[in-house]
Amino acid sequence: RAFLHLLAEVGIDPARDGVTIGPVPGALDPGASFGVVAADALERRLVDGFWANALGSETAVRRGVGKVIADVRRGDGPPGAGQYTFAALATTETLITREPERVAAAVRAIVRTQRMLRKEPARASEVGRRRFPPAAAEIIAAIVERDLPFYDPVISQAAVETMNGFAQAIGLLATPVRYDDVVATRLSPLWSQGTRELTPPR
């Protein structure tokens, strides 16, 4: 939906302009890395292009079978498009209240991992070798190093406002959701200062 909305915002109507959008062959196979599978499909000319992650685009570029047309994270496309969707750790308010220490531990792990990668991007290769095919694992550290500005655990008010607008535009929300109802602000000391212990809510 993010891609369809992006196309609409730049004046492209798939039906009118003859654009066919569909699943990437093999992307739903168990253990598949969507980006790598998408690059494979592009190389085999099963698709003319794809909307995927940095690993997929970098794989296609390095193989010489594709080019990056738009990177919304870096400001390409309509204003705010880079925050229509983004990676996040999600859970329920019930779990946060019932097991605050467990949730805090997960947040601390993410913050520490991001900080480690900012200092030592090459460490990404260790995980890459376990998670991705060999060719992809060899480039993961370079991708992480290039994308270091995005390794930030903070979800800003502006990001939530943009995401709200997108969700309303495509019919997922009737009204905006409050920032405090989206982001567990009681945990903010953990991502703003990194390692401070969470005080369980009363």
N, C-alpha and C. Protein backbone atom coordinates (compact mmCIF):
# COMPACT_ATOMS: atom_id res chain seq x y z
N ARG A 1 0.82 -1.21 0.00
CA ARG A 1 0.00 0.00 0.00
C ARG A 1 0.85 1.26 0.00
N ALA A 2 2.00 1.20 0.69
CA ALA A 2 2.88 2.37 0.71
C ALA A 2 3.33 2.71 -0.71
N PHE A 3 3.68 1.68 -1.48
CA PHE A 3 4.14 1.91 -2.84
C PHE A 3 3.02 2.46 -3.72
N LEU A 4 1.82 1.90 -3.59
CA LEU A 4 0.68 2.39 -4.37
C LEU A 4 0.38 3.84 -4.04
N HIS A 5 0.43 4.18 -2.76
CA HIS A 5 0.18 5.56 -2.35
C HIS A 5 1.26 6.48 -2.88
N LEU A 6 2.50 6.02 -2.86
CA LEU A 6 3.60 6.81 -3.40
C LEU A 6 3.39 7.08 -4.88
N LEU A 7 3.00 6.07 -5.63
CA LEU A 7 2.72 6.26 -7.05
C LEU A 7 1.61 7.28 -7.27
N ALA A 8 0.55 7.16 -6.48
CA ALA A 8 -0.57 8.09 -6.62
C ALA A 8 -0.13 9.53 -6.35
N GLU A 9 0.74 9.72 -5.37
CA GLU A 9 1.18 11.06 -5.03
C GLU A 9 2.03 11.70 -6.12
N VAL A 10 2.68 10.89 -6.94
CA VAL A 10 3.48 11.45 -8.03
C VAL A 10 2.73 11.38 -9.36
N GLY A 11 1.43 11.07 -9.30
CA GLY A 11 0.60 11.15 -10.49
C GLY A 11 0.55 9.91 -11.36
N ILE A 12 0.95 8.77 -10.83
CA ILE A 12 0.92 7.53 -11.61
C ILE A 12 -0.29 6.70 -11.19
N ASP A 13 -1.13 6.37 -12.16
CA ASP A 13 -2.29 5.52 -11.94
C ASP A 13 -2.01 4.18 -12.60
N PRO A 14 -1.82 3.10 -11.83
CA PRO A 14 -1.47 1.80 -12.42
C PRO A 14 -2.42 1.36 -13.53
N ALA A 15 -3.72 1.52 -13.34
CA ALA A 15 -4.68 1.08 -14.35
C ALA A 15 -4.56 1.93 -15.61
N ARG A 16 -4.51 3.24 -15.43
CA ARG A 16 -4.44 4.15 -16.57
C ARG A 16 -3.11 4.05 -17.31
N ASP A 17 -2.03 3.89 -16.54
CA ASP A 17 -0.70 3.94 -17.13
C ASP A 17 -0.10 2.57 -17.44
N GLY A 18 -0.90 1.52 -17.29
CA GLY A 18 -0.44 0.19 -17.66
C GLY A 18 0.64 -0.38 -16.77
N VAL A 19 0.57 -0.07 -15.48
CA VAL A 19 1.55 -0.58 -14.52
C VAL A 19 0.95 -1.78 -13.78
N THR A 20 1.57 -2.92 -13.88
CA THR A 20 1.10 -4.12 -13.19
C THR A 20 1.94 -4.35 -11.94
N ILE A 21 1.28 -4.45 -10.80
CA ILE A 21 1.98 -4.65 -9.53
C ILE A 21 1.56 -6.00 -8.95
N GLY A 22 2.53 -6.80 -8.59
CA GLY A 22 2.21 -8.12 -8.06
C GLY A 22 3.32 -8.64 -7.18
N PRO A 23 3.14 -9.83 -6.62
CA PRO A 23 4.15 -10.41 -5.73
C PRO A 23 5.40 -10.82 -6.49
N VAL A 24 6.52 -10.77 -5.82
CA VAL A 24 7.78 -11.23 -6.41
C VAL A 24 7.83 -12.75 -6.30
N PRO A 25 8.05 -13.46 -7.40
CA PRO A 25 8.10 -14.93 -7.35
C PRO A 25 9.12 -15.43 -6.33
N GLY A 26 8.68 -16.30 -5.44
CA GLY A 26 9.57 -16.89 -4.45
C GLY A 26 9.75 -16.10 -3.18
N ALA A 27 9.17 -14.90 -3.12
CA ALA A 27 9.39 -14.04 -1.96
C ALA A 27 8.77 -14.59 -0.68
N LEU A 28 7.75 -15.42 -0.82
CA LEU A 28 7.08 -15.97 0.36
C LEU A 28 7.58 -17.35 0.74
N ASP A 29 8.59 -17.83 0.05
CA ASP A 29 9.15 -19.15 0.39
C ASP A 29 9.77 -19.11 1.78
N PRO A 30 9.70 -20.20 2.53
CA PRO A 30 10.30 -20.23 3.88
C PRO A 30 11.78 -19.85 3.85
N GLY A 31 12.16 -18.92 4.72
CA GLY A 31 13.55 -18.51 4.82
C GLY A 31 14.03 -17.56 3.76
N ALA A 32 13.14 -17.15 2.86
CA ALA A 32 13.56 -16.26 1.77
C ALA A 32 13.84 -14.85 2.28
N SER A 33 14.89 -14.23 1.75
CA SER A 33 15.16 -12.82 1.99
C SER A 33 14.53 -12.05 0.84
N PHE A 34 13.50 -11.24 1.14
CA PHE A 34 12.74 -10.61 0.07
C PHE A 34 13.63 -9.82 -0.88
N GLY A 35 14.54 -9.03 -0.33
CA GLY A 35 15.38 -8.20 -1.18
C GLY A 35 16.23 -9.01 -2.14
N VAL A 36 16.83 -10.09 -1.64
CA VAL A 36 17.68 -10.94 -2.47
C VAL A 36 16.85 -11.63 -3.54
N VAL A 37 15.68 -12.13 -3.16
CA VAL A 37 14.79 -12.79 -4.12
C VAL A 37 14.32 -11.80 -5.18
N ALA A 38 14.04 -10.56 -4.76
CA ALA A 38 13.61 -9.54 -5.72
C ALA A 38 14.72 -9.23 -6.72
N ALA A 39 15.95 -9.14 -6.25
CA ALA A 39 17.08 -8.90 -7.15
C ALA A 39 17.24 -10.05 -8.13
N ASP A 40 17.06 -11.29 -7.65
CA ASP A 40 17.13 -12.46 -8.53
C ASP A 40 16.05 -12.37 -9.61
N ALA A 41 14.84 -12.00 -9.20
CA ALA A 41 13.73 -11.90 -10.16
C ALA A 41 14.00 -10.83 -11.21
N LEU A 42 14.61 -9.73 -10.80
CA LEU A 42 14.96 -8.67 -11.75
C LEU A 42 16.01 -9.17 -12.73
N GLU A 43 17.00 -9.88 -12.22
CA GLU A 43 18.05 -10.41 -13.10
C GLU A 43 17.49 -11.40 -14.10
N ARG A 44 16.51 -12.18 -13.68
CA ARG A 44 15.90 -13.18 -14.57
C ARG A 44 14.79 -12.57 -15.44
N ARG A 45 14.57 -11.28 -15.29
CA ARG A 45 13.57 -10.53 -16.06
C ARG A 45 12.15 -11.02 -15.79
N LEU A 46 11.94 -11.50 -14.57
CA LEU A 46 10.58 -11.87 -14.17
C LEU A 46 9.80 -10.64 -13.73
N VAL A 47 10.53 -9.59 -13.37
CA VAL A 47 9.91 -8.31 -13.01
C VAL A 47 10.72 -7.20 -13.67
N ASP A 48 10.09 -6.06 -13.85
CA ASP A 48 10.78 -4.90 -14.43
C ASP A 48 11.40 -4.01 -13.36
N GLY A 49 10.97 -4.20 -12.13
CA GLY A 49 11.48 -3.40 -11.03
C GLY A 49 10.88 -3.91 -9.74
N PHE A 50 11.38 -3.42 -8.62
CA PHE A 50 10.82 -3.84 -7.33
C PHE A 50 10.98 -2.74 -6.30
N TRP A 51 10.11 -2.81 -5.29
CA TRP A 51 10.12 -1.89 -4.14
C TRP A 51 10.56 -2.74 -2.96
N ALA A 52 11.80 -2.56 -2.53
CA ALA A 52 12.32 -3.46 -1.51
C ALA A 52 13.31 -2.73 -0.61
N ASN A 53 14.02 -3.50 0.17
CA ASN A 53 14.94 -2.95 1.15
C ASN A 53 16.31 -2.66 0.54
N ALA A 54 17.21 -2.14 1.40
CA ALA A 54 18.54 -1.75 0.93
C ALA A 54 19.34 -2.94 0.41
N LEU A 55 19.17 -4.10 1.03
CA LEU A 55 19.90 -5.28 0.59
C LEU A 55 19.49 -5.67 -0.83
N GLY A 56 18.20 -5.62 -1.10
CA GLY A 56 17.73 -5.96 -2.43
C GLY A 56 18.25 -5.01 -3.50
N SER A 57 18.15 -3.71 -3.22
CA SER A 57 18.61 -2.73 -4.21
C SER A 57 20.12 -2.81 -4.41
N GLU A 58 20.87 -2.96 -3.32
CA GLU A 58 22.33 -3.04 -3.44
C GLU A 58 22.75 -4.28 -4.20
N THR A 59 22.05 -5.39 -3.97
CA THR A 59 22.36 -6.62 -4.70
C THR A 59 22.15 -6.43 -6.19
N ALA A 60 21.04 -5.80 -6.56
CA ALA A 60 20.74 -5.57 -7.98
C ALA A 60 21.76 -4.63 -8.61
N VAL A 61 22.13 -3.58 -7.89
CA VAL A 61 23.10 -2.61 -8.41
C VAL A 61 24.46 -3.27 -8.61
N ARG A 62 24.92 -4.02 -7.62
CA ARG A 62 26.25 -4.65 -7.71
C ARG A 62 26.31 -5.71 -8.80
N ARG A 63 25.19 -6.35 -9.08
CA ARG A 63 25.17 -7.33 -10.16
C ARG A 63 25.07 -6.66 -11.53
N GLY A 64 24.79 -5.37 -11.53
CA GLY A 64 24.65 -4.65 -12.78
C GLY A 64 23.34 -4.88 -13.49
N VAL A 65 22.32 -5.32 -12.74
CA VAL A 65 21.02 -5.62 -13.36
C VAL A 65 19.95 -4.58 -13.02
N GLY A 66 20.29 -3.60 -12.19
CA GLY A 66 19.29 -2.60 -11.81
C GLY A 66 19.92 -1.33 -11.31
N LYS A 67 19.10 -0.30 -11.17
CA LYS A 67 19.52 0.98 -10.62
C LYS A 67 18.50 1.42 -9.58
N VAL A 68 18.95 2.20 -8.60
CA VAL A 68 18.04 2.75 -7.60
C VAL A 68 17.37 3.98 -8.20
N ILE A 69 16.05 3.93 -8.31
CA ILE A 69 15.29 5.04 -8.89
C ILE A 69 14.87 6.02 -7.81
N ALA A 70 14.47 5.51 -6.66
CA ALA A 70 14.04 6.39 -5.56
C ALA A 70 14.39 5.75 -4.23
N ASP A 71 15.02 6.52 -3.36
CA ASP A 71 15.29 6.10 -1.98
C ASP A 71 14.57 7.09 -1.09
N VAL A 72 13.36 6.74 -0.66
CA VAL A 72 12.53 7.70 0.08
C VAL A 72 13.14 8.05 1.43
N ARG A 73 13.98 7.20 1.97
CA ARG A 73 14.62 7.52 3.25
C ARG A 73 15.51 8.75 3.12
N ARG A 74 16.07 8.94 1.94
CA ARG A 74 16.98 10.06 1.71
C ARG A 74 16.29 11.25 1.05
N GLY A 75 14.97 11.24 1.05
CA GLY A 75 14.24 12.40 0.57
C GLY A 75 13.71 12.33 -0.84
N ASP A 76 13.94 11.21 -1.54
CA ASP A 76 13.36 11.06 -2.88
C ASP A 76 11.85 10.89 -2.76
N GLY A 77 11.12 11.33 -3.77
CA GLY A 77 9.68 11.17 -3.76
C GLY A 77 8.97 12.26 -2.98
N PRO A 78 7.68 12.08 -2.71
CA PRO A 78 6.88 13.08 -1.99
C PRO A 78 7.44 13.34 -0.60
N PRO A 79 7.24 14.55 -0.07
CA PRO A 79 7.71 14.86 1.29
C PRO A 79 7.14 13.87 2.32
N GLY A 80 8.01 13.37 3.17
CA GLY A 80 7.55 12.47 4.23
C GLY A 80 7.40 11.02 3.83
N ALA A 81 7.62 10.70 2.56
CA ALA A 81 7.40 9.32 2.11
C ALA A 81 8.26 8.31 2.85
N GLY A 82 9.41 8.74 3.32
CA GLY A 82 10.29 7.83 4.04
C GLY A 82 9.76 7.40 5.39
N GLN A 83 8.67 8.04 5.83
CA GLN A 83 8.09 7.69 7.12
C GLN A 83 6.65 7.18 6.99
N TYR A 84 6.26 6.80 5.77
CA TYR A 84 4.97 6.13 5.63
C TYR A 84 4.99 4.84 6.45
N THR A 85 6.08 4.12 6.34
CA THR A 85 6.30 2.91 7.13
C THR A 85 7.76 2.90 7.56
N PHE A 86 8.05 2.21 8.63
CA PHE A 86 9.43 2.06 9.07
C PHE A 86 9.51 0.89 10.06
N ALA A 87 10.72 0.40 10.25
CA ALA A 87 10.91 -0.73 11.17
C ALA A 87 10.66 -0.30 12.61
N ALA A 88 10.03 -1.16 13.37
CA ALA A 88 9.77 -0.86 14.78
C ALA A 88 9.54 -2.16 15.55
N LEU A 89 9.82 -2.11 16.84
CA LEU A 89 9.50 -3.22 17.74
C LEU A 89 8.12 -2.93 18.32
N ALA A 90 7.16 -3.81 18.07
CA ALA A 90 5.79 -3.58 18.51
C ALA A 90 5.35 -4.64 19.50
N THR A 91 4.58 -4.21 20.49
CA THR A 91 3.98 -5.13 21.44
C THR A 91 2.69 -4.49 21.96
N THR A 92 2.08 -5.11 22.95
CA THR A 92 0.83 -4.59 23.49
C THR A 92 1.08 -3.81 24.78
N GLU A 93 0.17 -2.90 25.08
CA GLU A 93 0.24 -2.17 26.35
C GLU A 93 0.13 -3.15 27.52
N THR A 94 -0.63 -4.21 27.31
CA THR A 94 -0.80 -5.22 28.36
C THR A 94 0.54 -5.86 28.74
N LEU A 95 1.33 -6.22 27.74
CA LEU A 95 2.63 -6.84 28.02
C LEU A 95 3.58 -5.85 28.68
N ILE A 96 3.56 -4.60 28.23
CA ILE A 96 4.44 -3.58 28.83
C ILE A 96 4.12 -3.42 30.31
N THR A 97 2.83 -3.42 30.64
CA THR A 97 2.42 -3.25 32.04
C THR A 97 2.71 -4.49 32.87
N ARG A 98 2.49 -5.66 32.27
CA ARG A 98 2.65 -6.92 33.01
C ARG A 98 4.12 -7.32 33.17
N GLU A 99 4.91 -7.09 32.13
CA GLU A 99 6.32 -7.52 32.16
C GLU A 99 7.25 -6.41 31.68
N PRO A 100 7.29 -5.30 32.41
CA PRO A 100 8.10 -4.16 31.96
C PRO A 100 9.58 -4.48 31.83
N GLU A 101 10.10 -5.34 32.72
CA GLU A 101 11.53 -5.67 32.66
C GLU A 101 11.86 -6.43 31.38
N ARG A 102 10.96 -7.32 30.99
CA ARG A 102 11.17 -8.10 29.77
C ARG A 102 11.17 -7.20 28.54
N VAL A 103 10.21 -6.28 28.48
CA VAL A 103 10.14 -5.35 27.35
C VAL A 103 11.36 -4.44 27.34
N ALA A 104 11.74 -3.96 28.52
CA ALA A 104 12.90 -3.08 28.62
C ALA A 104 14.17 -3.78 28.13
N ALA A 105 14.29 -5.06 28.44
CA ALA A 105 15.47 -5.82 28.00
C ALA A 105 15.54 -5.87 26.48
N ALA A 106 14.39 -6.04 25.83
CA ALA A 106 14.37 -6.07 24.37
C ALA A 106 14.77 -4.71 23.79
N VAL A 107 14.27 -3.63 24.40
CA VAL A 107 14.61 -2.29 23.93
C VAL A 107 16.10 -2.04 24.11
N ARG A 108 16.63 -2.39 25.27
CA ARG A 108 18.06 -2.18 25.51
C ARG A 108 18.91 -2.96 24.51
N ALA A 109 18.48 -4.17 24.17
CA ALA A 109 19.23 -4.99 23.22
C ALA A 109 19.29 -4.31 21.85
N ILE A 110 18.17 -3.74 21.43
CA ILE A 110 18.13 -3.06 20.13
C ILE A 110 19.01 -1.82 20.15
N VAL A 111 18.90 -1.03 21.21
CA VAL A 111 19.70 0.19 21.32
C VAL A 111 21.19 -0.15 21.31
N ARG A 112 21.57 -1.14 22.08
CA ARG A 112 22.99 -1.52 22.14
C ARG A 112 23.49 -2.05 20.79
N THR A 113 22.64 -2.83 20.12
CA THR A 113 23.03 -3.36 18.81
C THR A 113 23.24 -2.23 17.81
N GLN A 114 22.32 -1.28 17.80
CA GLN A 114 22.47 -0.15 16.89
C GLN A 114 23.72 0.65 17.19
N ARG A 115 23.99 0.87 18.46
CA ARG A 115 25.20 1.62 18.84
C ARG A 115 26.46 0.85 18.45
N MET A 116 26.43 -0.46 18.63
CA MET A 116 27.58 -1.28 18.25
C MET A 116 27.83 -1.19 16.75
N LEU A 117 26.74 -1.27 15.96
CA LEU A 117 26.89 -1.21 14.51
C LEU A 117 27.38 0.16 14.04
N ARG A 118 26.98 1.21 14.74
CA ARG A 118 27.46 2.54 14.38
C ARG A 118 28.97 2.64 14.61
N LYS A 119 29.47 1.95 15.63
CA LYS A 119 30.90 1.98 15.92
C LYS A 119 31.68 0.97 15.07
N GLU A 120 31.06 -0.19 14.84
CA GLU A 120 31.75 -1.26 14.12
C GLU A 120 30.81 -1.88 13.08
N PRO A 121 30.58 -1.22 11.96
CA PRO A 121 29.66 -1.75 10.94
C PRO A 121 30.04 -3.14 10.45
N ALA A 122 31.33 -3.45 10.50
CA ALA A 122 31.78 -4.76 10.01
C ALA A 122 31.20 -5.92 10.80
N ARG A 123 30.75 -5.64 12.04
CA ARG A 123 30.15 -6.71 12.85
C ARG A 123 28.88 -7.27 12.21
N ALA A 124 28.28 -6.50 11.31
CA ALA A 124 27.06 -6.97 10.64
C ALA A 124 27.32 -8.22 9.82
N SER A 125 28.56 -8.38 9.37
CA SER A 125 28.88 -9.56 8.56
C SER A 125 28.71 -10.85 9.35
N GLU A 126 28.94 -10.80 10.66
CA GLU A 126 28.81 -11.99 11.49
C GLU A 126 27.38 -12.53 11.44
N VAL A 127 26.42 -11.62 11.55
CA VAL A 127 25.01 -12.02 11.48
C VAL A 127 24.64 -12.35 10.04
N GLY A 128 25.17 -11.56 9.11
CA GLY A 128 24.86 -11.76 7.70
C GLY A 128 25.20 -13.16 7.22
N ARG A 129 26.31 -13.70 7.70
CA ARG A 129 26.72 -15.04 7.26
C ARG A 129 25.76 -16.12 7.76
N ARG A 130 25.07 -15.84 8.86
CA ARG A 130 24.11 -16.82 9.40
C ARG A 130 22.72 -16.65 8.79
N ARG A 131 22.43 -15.43 8.31
CA ARG A 131 21.06 -15.13 7.89
C ARG A 131 20.86 -15.07 6.37
N PHE A 132 21.90 -14.69 5.63
CA PHE A 132 21.74 -14.44 4.20
C PHE A 132 22.59 -15.38 3.36
N PRO A 133 22.25 -15.51 2.07
CA PRO A 133 23.11 -16.26 1.16
C PRO A 133 24.51 -15.63 1.13
N PRO A 134 25.54 -16.41 0.79
CA PRO A 134 26.92 -15.90 0.84
C PRO A 134 27.14 -14.57 0.13
N ALA A 135 26.60 -14.42 -1.08
CA ALA A 135 26.82 -13.18 -1.83
C ALA A 135 26.24 -11.98 -1.10
N ALA A 136 25.07 -12.15 -0.50
CA ALA A 136 24.44 -11.05 0.23
C ALA A 136 25.17 -10.77 1.53
N ALA A 137 25.64 -11.83 2.18
CA ALA A 137 26.34 -11.66 3.46
C ALA A 137 27.60 -10.83 3.29
N GLU A 138 28.23 -10.92 2.13
CA GLU A 138 29.48 -10.20 1.89
C GLU A 138 29.27 -8.70 1.75
N ILE A 139 28.06 -8.26 1.44
CA ILE A 139 27.84 -6.83 1.24
C ILE A 139 27.06 -6.18 2.38
N ILE A 140 26.61 -6.98 3.34
CA ILE A 140 25.74 -6.43 4.38
C ILE A 140 26.45 -5.37 5.21
N ALA A 141 27.73 -5.55 5.50
CA ALA A 141 28.45 -4.57 6.31
C ALA A 141 28.54 -3.23 5.59
N ALA A 142 28.77 -3.27 4.28
CA ALA A 142 28.85 -2.03 3.50
C ALA A 142 27.51 -1.31 3.49
N ILE A 143 26.42 -2.07 3.44
CA ILE A 143 25.09 -1.47 3.46
C ILE A 143 24.83 -0.82 4.81
N VAL A 144 25.18 -1.52 5.88
CA VAL A 144 24.98 -0.97 7.22
C VAL A 144 25.78 0.32 7.39
N GLU A 145 27.03 0.32 6.94
CA GLU A 145 27.87 1.51 7.07
C GLU A 145 27.28 2.69 6.30
N ARG A 146 26.77 2.43 5.11
CA ARG A 146 26.16 3.49 4.31
C ARG A 146 24.89 4.03 4.95
N ASP A 147 24.16 3.13 5.62
CA ASP A 147 22.86 3.51 6.18
C ASP A 147 22.91 3.85 7.66
N LEU A 148 24.08 4.12 8.19
CA LEU A 148 24.22 4.42 9.62
C LEU A 148 23.30 5.53 10.11
N PRO A 149 23.03 6.59 9.32
CA PRO A 149 22.14 7.64 9.81
C PRO A 149 20.75 7.13 10.20
N PHE A 150 20.36 5.98 9.67
CA PHE A 150 19.02 5.46 9.96
C PHE A 150 19.00 4.51 11.16
N TYR A 151 20.15 4.25 11.75
CA TYR A 151 20.21 3.38 12.92
C TYR A 151 20.00 4.22 14.17
N ASP A 152 18.76 4.61 14.35
CA ASP A 152 18.35 5.49 15.45
C ASP A 152 17.10 4.90 16.08
N PRO A 153 17.10 4.60 17.37
CA PRO A 153 15.94 3.97 17.99
C PRO A 153 14.78 4.91 18.26
N VAL A 154 14.96 6.20 18.08
CA VAL A 154 13.92 7.18 18.41
C VAL A 154 12.88 7.26 17.30
N ILE A 155 11.60 7.21 17.68
CA ILE A 155 10.49 7.47 16.76
C ILE A 155 9.94 8.84 17.13
N SER A 156 10.11 9.80 16.26
CA SER A 156 9.76 11.19 16.57
C SER A 156 8.26 11.45 16.43
N GLN A 157 7.85 12.57 17.00
CA GLN A 157 6.45 13.00 16.86
C GLN A 157 6.12 13.21 15.39
N ALA A 158 7.06 13.82 14.65
CA ALA A 158 6.83 14.08 13.23
C ALA A 158 6.64 12.77 12.45
N ALA A 159 7.42 11.74 12.81
CA ALA A 159 7.29 10.46 12.12
C ALA A 159 5.91 9.86 12.34
N VAL A 160 5.41 9.94 13.56
CA VAL A 160 4.08 9.40 13.86
C VAL A 160 2.99 10.20 13.15
N GLU A 161 3.15 11.51 13.09
CA GLU A 161 2.17 12.34 12.38
C GLU A 161 2.12 11.97 10.89
N THR A 162 3.30 11.78 10.30
CA THR A 162 3.35 11.39 8.89
C THR A 162 2.73 10.02 8.67
N MET A 163 3.05 9.07 9.55
CA MET A 163 2.49 7.73 9.44
C MET A 163 0.98 7.75 9.62
N ASN A 164 0.49 8.58 10.53
CA ASN A 164 -0.95 8.75 10.71
C ASN A 164 -1.61 9.23 9.43
N GLY A 165 -1.00 10.24 8.81
CA GLY A 165 -1.56 10.79 7.57
C GLY A 165 -1.61 9.75 6.47
N PHE A 166 -0.56 8.95 6.36
CA PHE A 166 -0.53 7.88 5.37
C PHE A 166 -1.62 6.85 5.65
N ALA A 167 -1.72 6.42 6.91
CA ALA A 167 -2.71 5.40 7.27
C ALA A 167 -4.14 5.89 7.02
N GLN A 168 -4.38 7.18 7.26
CA GLN A 168 -5.70 7.74 6.98
C GLN A 168 -5.95 7.80 5.48
N ALA A 169 -4.93 8.18 4.73
CA ALA A 169 -5.09 8.34 3.28
C ALA A 169 -5.45 7.03 2.59
N ILE A 170 -4.96 5.90 3.11
CA ILE A 170 -5.25 4.62 2.47
C ILE A 170 -6.38 3.86 3.17
N GLY A 171 -7.03 4.51 4.14
CA GLY A 171 -8.20 3.92 4.77
C GLY A 171 -7.96 3.00 5.93
N LEU A 172 -6.73 2.96 6.46
CA LEU A 172 -6.45 2.11 7.62
C LEU A 172 -6.91 2.75 8.92
N LEU A 173 -6.93 4.07 8.96
CA LEU A 173 -7.37 4.81 10.14
C LEU A 173 -8.43 5.82 9.76
N ALA A 174 -9.41 6.00 10.65
CA ALA A 174 -10.42 7.03 10.43
C ALA A 174 -9.95 8.36 11.01
N THR A 175 -9.22 8.30 12.12
CA THR A 175 -8.70 9.49 12.78
C THR A 175 -7.27 9.23 13.23
N PRO A 176 -6.48 10.28 13.46
CA PRO A 176 -5.10 10.08 13.90
C PRO A 176 -5.04 9.41 15.28
N VAL A 177 -3.96 8.70 15.52
CA VAL A 177 -3.72 8.07 16.81
C VAL A 177 -2.69 8.92 17.55
N ARG A 178 -2.94 9.18 18.84
CA ARG A 178 -2.04 10.01 19.63
C ARG A 178 -0.64 9.40 19.69
N TYR A 179 0.36 10.29 19.73
CA TYR A 179 1.75 9.85 19.81
C TYR A 179 1.98 8.90 20.98
N ASP A 180 1.44 9.25 22.14
CA ASP A 180 1.63 8.41 23.33
C ASP A 180 0.93 7.06 23.23
N ASP A 181 -0.02 6.94 22.30
CA ASP A 181 -0.69 5.66 22.09
C ASP A 181 0.04 4.80 21.06
N VAL A 182 0.99 5.41 20.36
CA VAL A 182 1.79 4.68 19.37
C VAL A 182 3.15 4.31 19.93
N VAL A 183 3.76 5.25 20.62
CA VAL A 183 5.12 5.07 21.16
C VAL A 183 5.06 4.90 22.67
N ALA A 184 5.74 3.89 23.18
CA ALA A 184 5.77 3.64 24.63
C ALA A 184 6.73 4.65 25.28
N THR A 185 6.23 5.86 25.49
CA THR A 185 7.10 6.94 25.97
C THR A 185 7.68 6.67 27.35
N ARG A 186 7.05 5.79 28.12
CA ARG A 186 7.62 5.47 29.44
C ARG A 186 8.98 4.79 29.29
N LEU A 187 9.26 4.25 28.10
CA LEU A 187 10.54 3.61 27.85
C LEU A 187 11.57 4.55 27.24
N SER A 188 11.19 5.80 27.02
CA SER A 188 12.07 6.72 26.31
C SER A 188 13.45 6.88 26.93
N PRO A 189 13.61 6.81 28.27
CA PRO A 189 14.97 6.89 28.82
C PRO A 189 15.90 5.81 28.27
N LEU A 190 15.33 4.67 27.91
CA LEU A 190 16.16 3.57 27.43
C LEU A 190 16.75 3.86 26.06
N TRP A 191 16.00 4.55 25.21
CA TRP A 191 16.58 4.84 23.89
C TRP A 191 17.23 6.22 23.82
N SER A 192 16.87 7.12 24.74
CA SER A 192 17.51 8.44 24.72
C SER A 192 18.84 8.44 25.46
N GLN A 193 18.97 7.56 26.46
CA GLN A 193 20.22 7.50 27.22
C GLN A 193 20.87 6.12 27.15
N GLY A 194 20.17 5.18 26.54
CA GLY A 194 20.80 3.92 26.20
C GLY A 194 20.67 2.79 27.18
N THR A 195 21.10 2.96 28.42
CA THR A 195 21.16 1.80 29.31
C THR A 195 20.48 2.01 30.65
N ARG A 196 19.83 3.16 30.86
CA ARG A 196 19.17 3.39 32.15
C ARG A 196 18.08 2.34 32.36
N GLU A 197 17.98 1.84 33.54
CA GLU A 197 16.99 0.81 33.85
C GLU A 197 15.58 1.41 33.86
N LEU A 198 14.63 0.63 33.40
CA LEU A 198 13.24 1.05 33.41
C LEU A 198 12.64 0.92 34.80
N THR A 199 11.96 1.96 35.24
CA THR A 199 11.20 1.89 36.48
C THR A 199 9.82 1.34 36.17
N PRO A 200 9.46 0.18 36.69
CA PRO A 200 8.16 -0.41 36.36
C PRO A 200 7.02 0.55 36.69
N PRO A 201 6.03 0.68 35.78
CA PRO A 201 4.91 1.58 36.03
C PRO A 201 4.07 1.11 37.20
N ARG A 202 3.48 2.08 37.90
CA ARG A 202 2.62 1.73 39.02
C ARG A 202 1.16 1.73 38.59
